[in-house]
Amino acid sequence: MKMDKKEFHPFLNEGNIKGATKLILGSFPVYACTDPDNMKKLKMRNNDGTVRFFYGRCKSKFWGLFNQHIDSNVTVPIRKTLALKSLRQKKIAISDTIVSCLRKGISASDKDLKEKDYNKKMLRNMIQNGVSKILCTSKGVLLDLDSKILRSKEGITLDLALTKQFSDNFIGDLNGKLQESSKGICFVYRLKKRIIYALAIPSPGSPQRQAHHFGCISKDKHEYANSYFEKAFKWLKKR
């Protein structure tokens, strides 16, 4: 399948919440939500109710988790005005790692995004200005945050001991165990005297399928995923 024309992120500035101390971080919007907009995208949004906003796809389960664990006033399907009001009140920014890219067809899969331009300046500024907790909505987002955005930033260093401690405590509280073959669920960084935590959650669309990569050793992957989401969102909400 050939690559389409380059797509651009249309609403990054809306999620750049002034005074934010926390950040929800994804990768890039689905095809129907990107610029340049066109009649095909508009028709797709009208047909299924997708909103041009973070996790605005009608099938996304993200805002349902936000409603359940952070703010019940945020309704589903998502209304942008309510979401932004809640994020401002709770000092939670929301953003993505990619500013622009090419895409195979209209795929919603991150693996089909190529020639990515990363959102380095905005994300680094958010962290410099006070963000200390980052909730990444997949392990891929966590890895891109680490390798493409933070590791090359002068003054930010990865603390391996704190990373292991945070991971062990988080997984241990869920009675889970991270497999040797699984990539980590978090990174902890130091920026001068500040500590920055970045934690990944399973992709909300198919968490049970990924649960074993997030420490699940029980037979009930659905229950484990729900417990993981609850703990992660409450961690983000807590001051």
C-alpha atoms as a PDB file:
ATOM      1  CA  MET A   1       0.000   0.000   0.000  1.00  0.00           C
ATOM      2  CA  LYS A   2       1.475   3.351  -1.006  1.00  0.00           C
ATOM      3  CA  MET A   3       2.026   6.258   1.348  1.00  0.00           C
ATOM      4  CA  ASP A   4      -0.468   9.085   1.215  1.00  0.00           C
ATOM      5  CA  LYS A   5       0.455  12.780   1.418  1.00  0.00           C
ATOM      6  CA  LYS A   6       2.015  14.135   4.576  1.00  0.00           C
ATOM      7  CA  GLU A   7      -0.419  14.684   7.442  1.00  0.00           C
ATOM      8  CA  PHE A   8      -0.192  17.297  10.185  1.00  0.00           C
ATOM      9  CA  HIS A   9      -1.429  17.398  13.770  1.00  0.00           C
ATOM     10  CA  PRO A  10      -4.208  20.032  13.997  1.00  0.00           C
ATOM     11  CA  PHE A  11      -4.849  20.433  17.735  1.00  0.00           C
ATOM     12  CA  LEU A  12      -1.565  20.171  19.642  1.00  0.00           C
ATOM     13  CA  ASN A  13      -1.852  23.745  20.927  1.00  0.00           C
ATOM     14  CA  GLU A  14      -5.268  23.030  22.482  1.00  0.00           C
ATOM     15  CA  GLY A  15      -3.746  20.433  24.782  1.00  0.00           C
ATOM     16  CA  ASN A  16      -0.895  22.648  25.943  1.00  0.00           C
ATOM     17  CA  ILE A  17      -2.489  23.494  29.296  1.00  0.00           C
ATOM     18  CA  LYS A  18      -0.931  26.445  31.111  1.00  0.00           C
ATOM     19  CA  GLY A  19       0.511  25.488  34.499  1.00  0.00           C
ATOM     20  CA  ALA A  20       0.163  21.738  33.876  1.00  0.00           C
ATOM     21  CA  THR A  21       2.032  19.415  36.216  1.00  0.00           C
ATOM     22  CA  LYS A  22       0.856  16.216  34.500  1.00  0.00           C
ATOM     23  CA  LEU A  23       0.663  15.056  30.898  1.00  0.00           C
ATOM     24  CA  ILE A  24      -1.333  12.487  28.936  1.00  0.00           C
ATOM     25  CA  LEU A  25       0.715  11.487  25.902  1.00  0.00           C
ATOM     26  CA  GLY A  26      -0.252   9.608  22.740  1.00  0.00           C
ATOM     27  CA  SER A  27       1.274   9.249  19.286  1.00  0.00           C
ATOM     28  CA  PHE A  28      -0.723  10.854  16.416  1.00  0.00           C
ATOM     29  CA  PRO A  29      -4.406  11.339  15.535  1.00  0.00           C
ATOM     30  CA  VAL A  30      -6.306   8.927  13.305  1.00  0.00           C
ATOM     31  CA  TYR A  31      -6.612   9.781   9.624  1.00  0.00           C
ATOM     32  CA  ALA A  32     -10.083  11.331   9.938  1.00  0.00           C
ATOM     33  CA  CYS A  33      -8.769  13.945  12.386  1.00  0.00           C
ATOM     34  CA  THR A  34      -5.590  15.243  10.714  1.00  0.00           C
ATOM     35  CA  ASP A  35      -4.781  18.148   8.433  1.00  0.00           C
ATOM     36  CA  PRO A  36      -5.166  18.790   5.596  1.00  0.00           C
ATOM     37  CA  ASP A  37      -8.858  18.148   6.109  1.00  0.00           C
ATOM     38  CA  ASN A  38     -11.039  17.058   3.179  1.00  0.00           C
ATOM     39  CA  MET A  39     -14.519  15.841   2.318  1.00  0.00           C
ATOM     40  CA  LYS A  40     -13.512  12.195   2.750  1.00  0.00           C
ATOM     41  CA  LYS A  41     -12.391  12.840   6.333  1.00  0.00           C
ATOM     42  CA  LEU A  42     -15.459  14.931   7.081  1.00  0.00           C
ATOM     43  CA  LYS A  43     -17.701  12.138   5.818  1.00  0.00           C
ATOM     44  CA  MET A  44     -15.863   9.605   7.994  1.00  0.00           C
ATOM     45  CA  ARG A  45     -16.342  11.781  11.080  1.00  0.00           C
ATOM     46  CA  ASN A  46     -20.009  12.421  10.318  1.00  0.00           C
ATOM     47  CA  ASN A  47     -20.657   8.708   9.778  1.00  0.00           C
ATOM     48  CA  ASP A  48     -19.256   7.515  13.103  1.00  0.00           C
ATOM     49  CA  GLY A  49     -19.254  10.585  15.355  1.00  0.00           C
ATOM     50  CA  THR A  50     -15.482  11.015  15.544  1.00  0.00           C
ATOM     51  CA  VAL A  51     -14.412  14.375  17.033  1.00  0.00           C
ATOM     52  CA  ARG A  52     -11.319  16.302  15.925  1.00  0.00           C
ATOM     53  CA  PHE A  53      -9.627  16.029  19.296  1.00  0.00           C
ATOM     54  CA  PHE A  54      -7.303  13.723  21.232  1.00  0.00           C
ATOM     55  CA  TYR A  55      -8.765  10.205  21.333  1.00  0.00           C
ATOM     56  CA  GLY A  56     -11.750  11.581  19.441  1.00  0.00           C
ATOM     57  CA  ARG A  57     -12.340   8.392  17.488  1.00  0.00           C
ATOM     58  CA  CYS A  58     -15.739   6.960  18.369  1.00  0.00           C
ATOM     59  CA  LYS A  59     -14.207   3.538  19.129  1.00  0.00           C
ATOM     60  CA  SER A  60     -11.593   4.924  21.509  1.00  0.00           C
ATOM     61  CA  LYS A  61     -12.033   3.817  25.109  1.00  0.00           C
ATOM     62  CA  PHE A  62      -9.678   6.408  26.554  1.00  0.00           C
ATOM     63  CA  TRP A  63     -12.248   8.984  27.663  1.00  0.00           C
ATOM     64  CA  GLY A  64     -14.334   6.252  29.268  1.00  0.00           C
ATOM     65  CA  LEU A  65     -11.345   5.459  31.486  1.00  0.00           C
ATOM     66  CA  PHE A  66     -10.843   9.158  32.182  1.00  0.00           C
ATOM     67  CA  ASN A  67     -14.512   9.425  33.138  1.00  0.00           C
ATOM     68  CA  GLN A  68     -14.267   6.385  35.416  1.00  0.00           C
ATOM     69  CA  HIS A  69     -11.031   7.186  37.214  1.00  0.00           C
ATOM     70  CA  ILE A  70     -10.385  10.941  36.988  1.00  0.00           C
ATOM     71  CA  ASP A  71     -13.488  13.034  36.271  1.00  0.00           C
ATOM     72  CA  SER A  72     -17.050  11.726  35.909  1.00  0.00           C
ATOM     73  CA  ASN A  73     -18.099  15.098  34.476  1.00  0.00           C
ATOM     74  CA  VAL A  74     -16.304  14.274  31.236  1.00  0.00           C
ATOM     75  CA  THR A  75     -18.971  12.580  29.165  1.00  0.00           C
ATOM     76  CA  VAL A  76     -18.649   9.885  26.517  1.00  0.00           C
ATOM     77  CA  PRO A  77     -18.857  10.391  23.522  1.00  0.00           C
ATOM     78  CA  ILE A  78     -16.323  13.093  24.176  1.00  0.00           C
ATOM     79  CA  ARG A  79     -17.199  16.786  24.087  1.00  0.00           C
ATOM     80  CA  LYS A  80     -14.078  18.849  23.556  1.00  0.00           C
ATOM     81  CA  THR A  81     -15.228  21.762  25.715  1.00  0.00           C
ATOM     82  CA  LEU A  82     -15.890  19.509  28.727  1.00  0.00           C
ATOM     83  CA  ALA A  83     -12.617  17.665  28.291  1.00  0.00           C
ATOM     84  CA  LEU A  84     -10.584  20.876  28.095  1.00  0.00           C
ATOM     85  CA  LYS A  85     -12.379  22.346  31.122  1.00  0.00           C
ATOM     86  CA  SER A  86     -11.533  19.247  33.169  1.00  0.00           C
ATOM     87  CA  LEU A  87      -7.918  19.156  31.991  1.00  0.00           C
ATOM     88  CA  ARG A  88      -7.426  22.819  32.914  1.00  0.00           C
ATOM     89  CA  GLN A  89      -8.970  22.340  36.350  1.00  0.00           C
ATOM     90  CA  LYS A  90      -6.769  19.341  37.072  1.00  0.00           C
ATOM     91  CA  LYS A  91      -3.640  20.844  35.467  1.00  0.00           C
ATOM     92  CA  ILE A  92      -3.287  17.937  33.058  1.00  0.00           C
ATOM     93  CA  ALA A  93      -1.885  18.678  29.611  1.00  0.00           C
ATOM     94  CA  ILE A  94      -2.617  16.342  26.696  1.00  0.00           C
ATOM     95  CA  SER A  95      -0.384  15.904  23.677  1.00  0.00           C
ATOM     96  CA  ASP A  96       1.168  13.544  21.121  1.00  0.00           C
ATOM     97  CA  THR A  97       4.737  12.618  20.238  1.00  0.00           C
ATOM     98  CA  ILE A  98       4.359  13.279  16.492  1.00  0.00           C
ATOM     99  CA  VAL A  99       3.756  16.602  14.729  1.00  0.00           C
ATOM    100  CA  SER A 100       3.593  15.279  11.172  1.00  0.00           C
ATOM    101  CA  CYS A 101       4.162  12.054   9.241  1.00  0.00           C
ATOM    102  CA  LEU A 102       3.264   9.910   6.270  1.00  0.00           C
ATOM    103  CA  ARG A 103       0.715   7.114   6.671  1.00  0.00           C
ATOM    104  CA  LYS A 104      -0.036   3.898   4.821  1.00  0.00           C
ATOM    105  CA  GLY A 105      -3.545   4.404   3.507  1.00  0.00           C
ATOM    106  CA  ILE A 106      -5.887   5.344   6.349  1.00  0.00           C
ATOM    107  CA  SER A 107      -4.426   2.917   8.881  1.00  0.00           C
ATOM    108  CA  ALA A 108      -4.882   3.754  12.573  1.00  0.00           C
ATOM    109  CA  SER A 109      -1.859   1.643  13.540  1.00  0.00           C
ATOM    110  CA  ASP A 110       1.272   3.410  14.748  1.00  0.00           C
ATOM    111  CA  LYS A 111       3.422   0.931  12.805  1.00  0.00           C
ATOM    112  CA  ASP A 112       2.019   2.384   9.588  1.00  0.00           C
ATOM    113  CA  LEU A 113       3.258   5.903  10.352  1.00  0.00           C
ATOM    114  CA  LYS A 114       6.515   6.818   8.595  1.00  0.00           C
ATOM    115  CA  GLU A 115       8.855   9.799   8.206  1.00  0.00           C
ATOM    116  CA  LYS A 116       7.799  11.160  11.579  1.00  0.00           C
ATOM    117  CA  ASP A 117       8.557  14.664  12.780  1.00  0.00           C
ATOM    118  CA  TYR A 118       8.603  14.601  16.564  1.00  0.00           C
ATOM    119  CA  ASN A 119       7.005  17.088  18.945  1.00  0.00           C
ATOM    120  CA  LYS A 120      10.265  17.821  20.743  1.00  0.00           C
ATOM    121  CA  LYS A 121      10.010  21.527  21.486  1.00  0.00           C
ATOM    122  CA  MET A 122       6.521  21.535  22.993  1.00  0.00           C
ATOM    123  CA  LEU A 123       7.015  18.423  25.110  1.00  0.00           C
ATOM    124  CA  ARG A 124      10.402  19.556  26.403  1.00  0.00           C
ATOM    125  CA  ASN A 125       8.922  22.941  27.295  1.00  0.00           C
ATOM    126  CA  MET A 126       6.062  21.268  29.180  1.00  0.00           C
ATOM    127  CA  ILE A 127       8.525  19.290  31.261  1.00  0.00           C
ATOM    128  CA  GLN A 128      10.806  22.278  31.753  1.00  0.00           C
ATOM    129  CA  ASN A 129       7.790  24.288  32.962  1.00  0.00           C
ATOM    130  CA  GLY A 130       6.593  21.834  35.588  1.00  0.00           C
ATOM    131  CA  VAL A 131       5.209  18.556  34.181  1.00  0.00           C
ATOM    132  CA  SER A 132       6.487  15.735  36.392  1.00  0.00           C
ATOM    133  CA  LYS A 133       4.051  12.890  35.627  1.00  0.00           C
ATOM    134  CA  ILE A 134       3.523  11.548  32.097  1.00  0.00           C
ATOM    135  CA  LEU A 135       0.934   8.884  31.282  1.00  0.00           C
ATOM    136  CA  CYS A 136       1.822   7.275  27.936  1.00  0.00           C
ATOM    137  CA  THR A 137      -1.040   5.498  26.177  1.00  0.00           C
ATOM    138  CA  SER A 138       1.158   2.672  24.866  1.00  0.00           C
ATOM    139  CA  LYS A 139       4.662   1.281  25.296  1.00  0.00           C
ATOM    140  CA  GLY A 140       5.492   2.581  21.823  1.00  0.00           C
ATOM    141  CA  VAL A 141       4.710   6.113  22.988  1.00  0.00           C
ATOM    142  CA  LEU A 142       6.861   5.597  26.098  1.00  0.00           C
ATOM    143  CA  LEU A 143       9.806   4.389  24.003  1.00  0.00           C
ATOM    144  CA  ASP A 144       9.505   7.285  21.542  1.00  0.00           C
ATOM    145  CA  LEU A 145       9.310   9.759  24.421  1.00  0.00           C
ATOM    146  CA  ASP A 146      12.530   8.299  25.777  1.00  0.00           C
ATOM    147  CA  SER A 147      14.566   7.811  22.604  1.00  0.00           C
ATOM    148  CA  LYS A 148      13.321  10.613  20.343  1.00  0.00           C
ATOM    149  CA  ILE A 149      12.471  13.414  22.769  1.00  0.00           C
ATOM    150  CA  LEU A 150      14.037  13.189  26.245  1.00  0.00           C
ATOM    151  CA  ARG A 151      17.324  11.293  26.022  1.00  0.00           C
ATOM    152  CA  SER A 152      18.856  13.915  23.723  1.00  0.00           C
ATOM    153  CA  LYS A 153      17.715  16.819  25.925  1.00  0.00           C
ATOM    154  CA  GLU A 154      20.580  18.374  27.800  1.00  0.00           C
ATOM    155  CA  GLY A 155      20.124  18.203  31.544  1.00  0.00           C
ATOM    156  CA  ILE A 156      17.740  15.220  31.559  1.00  0.00           C
ATOM    157  CA  THR A 157      19.183  11.898  32.718  1.00  0.00           C
ATOM    158  CA  LEU A 158      17.576   8.480  33.116  1.00  0.00           C
ATOM    159  CA  ASP A 159      17.704   7.136  36.667  1.00  0.00           C
ATOM    160  CA  LEU A 160      17.873   3.350  36.311  1.00  0.00           C
ATOM    161  CA  ALA A 161      17.550   2.641  40.031  1.00  0.00           C
ATOM    162  CA  LEU A 162      14.407   4.761  40.428  1.00  0.00           C
ATOM    163  CA  THR A 163      12.988   3.296  37.205  1.00  0.00           C
ATOM    164  CA  LYS A 164      13.341  -0.240  38.547  1.00  0.00           C
ATOM    165  CA  GLN A 165      11.963   0.740  41.950  1.00  0.00           C
ATOM    166  CA  PHE A 166       8.910   2.461  40.473  1.00  0.00           C
ATOM    167  CA  SER A 167       8.245  -0.446  38.088  1.00  0.00           C
ATOM    168  CA  ASP A 168       8.649  -3.118  40.768  1.00  0.00           C
ATOM    169  CA  ASN A 169       6.330  -1.277  43.173  1.00  0.00           C
ATOM    170  CA  PHE A 170       3.670  -0.604  40.553  1.00  0.00           C
ATOM    171  CA  ILE A 171       3.582  -4.166  39.196  1.00  0.00           C
ATOM    172  CA  GLY A 172       3.997  -5.667  42.660  1.00  0.00           C
ATOM    173  CA  ASP A 173       0.920  -3.859  43.964  1.00  0.00           C
ATOM    174  CA  LEU A 174      -1.065  -5.606  41.209  1.00  0.00           C
ATOM    175  CA  ASN A 175       0.387  -9.013  42.129  1.00  0.00           C
ATOM    176  CA  GLY A 176       2.013  -9.127  38.721  1.00  0.00           C
ATOM    177  CA  LYS A 177       5.489  -9.852  37.445  1.00  0.00           C
ATOM    178  CA  LEU A 178       7.150  -8.305  34.425  1.00  0.00           C
ATOM    179  CA  GLN A 179       8.614 -10.928  32.096  1.00  0.00           C
ATOM    180  CA  GLU A 180      12.270 -10.752  31.122  1.00  0.00           C
ATOM    181  CA  SER A 181      11.281 -10.441  27.452  1.00  0.00           C
ATOM    182  CA  SER A 182       8.884  -7.570  28.068  1.00  0.00           C
ATOM    183  CA  LYS A 183      10.035  -4.014  27.600  1.00  0.00           C
ATOM    184  CA  GLY A 184       9.684  -1.870  30.698  1.00  0.00           C
ATOM    185  CA  ILE A 185       6.508  -0.064  31.693  1.00  0.00           C
ATOM    186  CA  CYS A 186       8.149   3.177  32.835  1.00  0.00           C
ATOM    187  CA  PHE A 187      11.132   5.499  32.870  1.00  0.00           C
ATOM    188  CA  VAL A 188      12.164   7.845  35.667  1.00  0.00           C
ATOM    189  CA  TYR A 189      14.332  10.862  34.853  1.00  0.00           C
ATOM    190  CA  ARG A 190      16.167  13.547  36.757  1.00  0.00           C
ATOM    191  CA  LEU A 191      16.100  17.192  35.707  1.00  0.00           C
ATOM    192  CA  LYS A 192      18.231  19.197  38.116  1.00  0.00           C
ATOM    193  CA  LYS A 193      16.481  18.650  41.482  1.00  0.00           C
ATOM    194  CA  ARG A 194      13.232  17.431  39.934  1.00  0.00           C
ATOM    195  CA  ILE A 195      12.144  13.848  39.209  1.00  0.00           C
ATOM    196  CA  ILE A 196      10.073  13.103  36.093  1.00  0.00           C
ATOM    197  CA  TYR A 197       7.989   9.908  35.924  1.00  0.00           C
ATOM    198  CA  ALA A 198       6.748   8.424  32.640  1.00  0.00           C
ATOM    199  CA  LEU A 199       4.394   5.423  32.859  1.00  0.00           C
ATOM    200  CA  ALA A 200       2.867   3.407  30.011  1.00  0.00           C
ATOM    201  CA  ILE A 201      -0.584   1.812  30.001  1.00  0.00           C
ATOM    202  CA  PRO A 202      -1.828  -0.887  27.631  1.00  0.00           C
ATOM    203  CA  SER A 203      -3.476   0.577  24.554  1.00  0.00           C
ATOM    204  CA  PRO A 204      -7.081   1.090  25.776  1.00  0.00           C
ATOM    205  CA  GLY A 205      -8.506  -0.496  22.636  1.00  0.00           C
ATOM    206  CA  SER A 206      -7.126  -3.998  23.298  1.00  0.00           C
ATOM    207  CA  PRO A 207      -5.687  -4.144  26.825  1.00  0.00           C
ATOM    208  CA  GLN A 208      -6.349  -7.829  27.480  1.00  0.00           C
ATOM    209  CA  ARG A 209      -4.235  -8.826  24.486  1.00  0.00           C
ATOM    210  CA  GLN A 210      -1.303  -6.843  25.875  1.00  0.00           C
ATOM    211  CA  ALA A 211      -1.743  -7.555  29.579  1.00  0.00           C
ATOM    212  CA  HIS A 212       1.089 -10.113  29.767  1.00  0.00           C
ATOM    213  CA  HIS A 213       3.512  -7.389  28.599  1.00  0.00           C
ATOM    214  CA  PHE A 214       2.409  -5.280  31.572  1.00  0.00           C
ATOM    215  CA  GLY A 215       2.997  -7.876  34.276  1.00  0.00           C
ATOM    216  CA  CYS A 216      -0.120 -10.060  34.117  1.00  0.00           C
ATOM    217  CA  ILE A 217       0.544 -13.595  35.337  1.00  0.00           C
ATOM    218  CA  SER A 218      -3.063 -14.469  36.191  1.00  0.00           C
ATOM    219  CA  LYS A 219      -5.600 -16.127  33.904  1.00  0.00           C
ATOM    220  CA  ASP A 220      -8.005 -13.197  33.997  1.00  0.00           C
ATOM    221  CA  LYS A 221      -6.306 -10.658  31.742  1.00  0.00           C
ATOM    222  CA  HIS A 222      -9.391  -8.443  31.601  1.00  0.00           C
ATOM    223  CA  GLU A 223      -9.480  -8.040  35.388  1.00  0.00           C
ATOM    224  CA  TYR A 224      -5.735  -7.354  35.496  1.00  0.00           C
ATOM    225  CA  ALA A 225      -5.989  -4.731  32.762  1.00  0.00           C
ATOM    226  CA  ASN A 226      -8.821  -2.994  34.599  1.00  0.00           C
ATOM    227  CA  SER A 227      -6.785  -2.950  37.814  1.00  0.00           C
ATOM    228  CA  TYR A 228      -3.770  -1.602  35.911  1.00  0.00           C
ATOM    229  CA  PHE A 229      -5.841   1.211  34.391  1.00  0.00           C
ATOM    230  CA  GLU A 230      -7.317   2.109  37.765  1.00  0.00           C
ATOM    231  CA  LYS A 231      -3.929   2.292  39.439  1.00  0.00           C
ATOM    232  CA  ALA A 232      -2.346   4.254  36.566  1.00  0.00           C
ATOM    233  CA  PHE A 233      -5.105   6.849  36.303  1.00  0.00           C
ATOM    234  CA  LYS A 234      -5.258   7.318  40.073  1.00  0.00           C
ATOM    235  CA  TRP A 235      -1.481   7.758  40.074  1.00  0.00           C
ATOM    236  CA  LEU A 236      -1.863  10.488  37.464  1.00  0.00           C
ATOM    237  CA  LYS A 237      -4.693  12.179  39.331  1.00  0.00           C
ATOM    238  CA  LYS A 238      -2.867  12.242  42.648  1.00  0.00           C
ATOM    239  CA  ARG A 239      -0.903  15.370  43.418  1.00  0.00           C
END
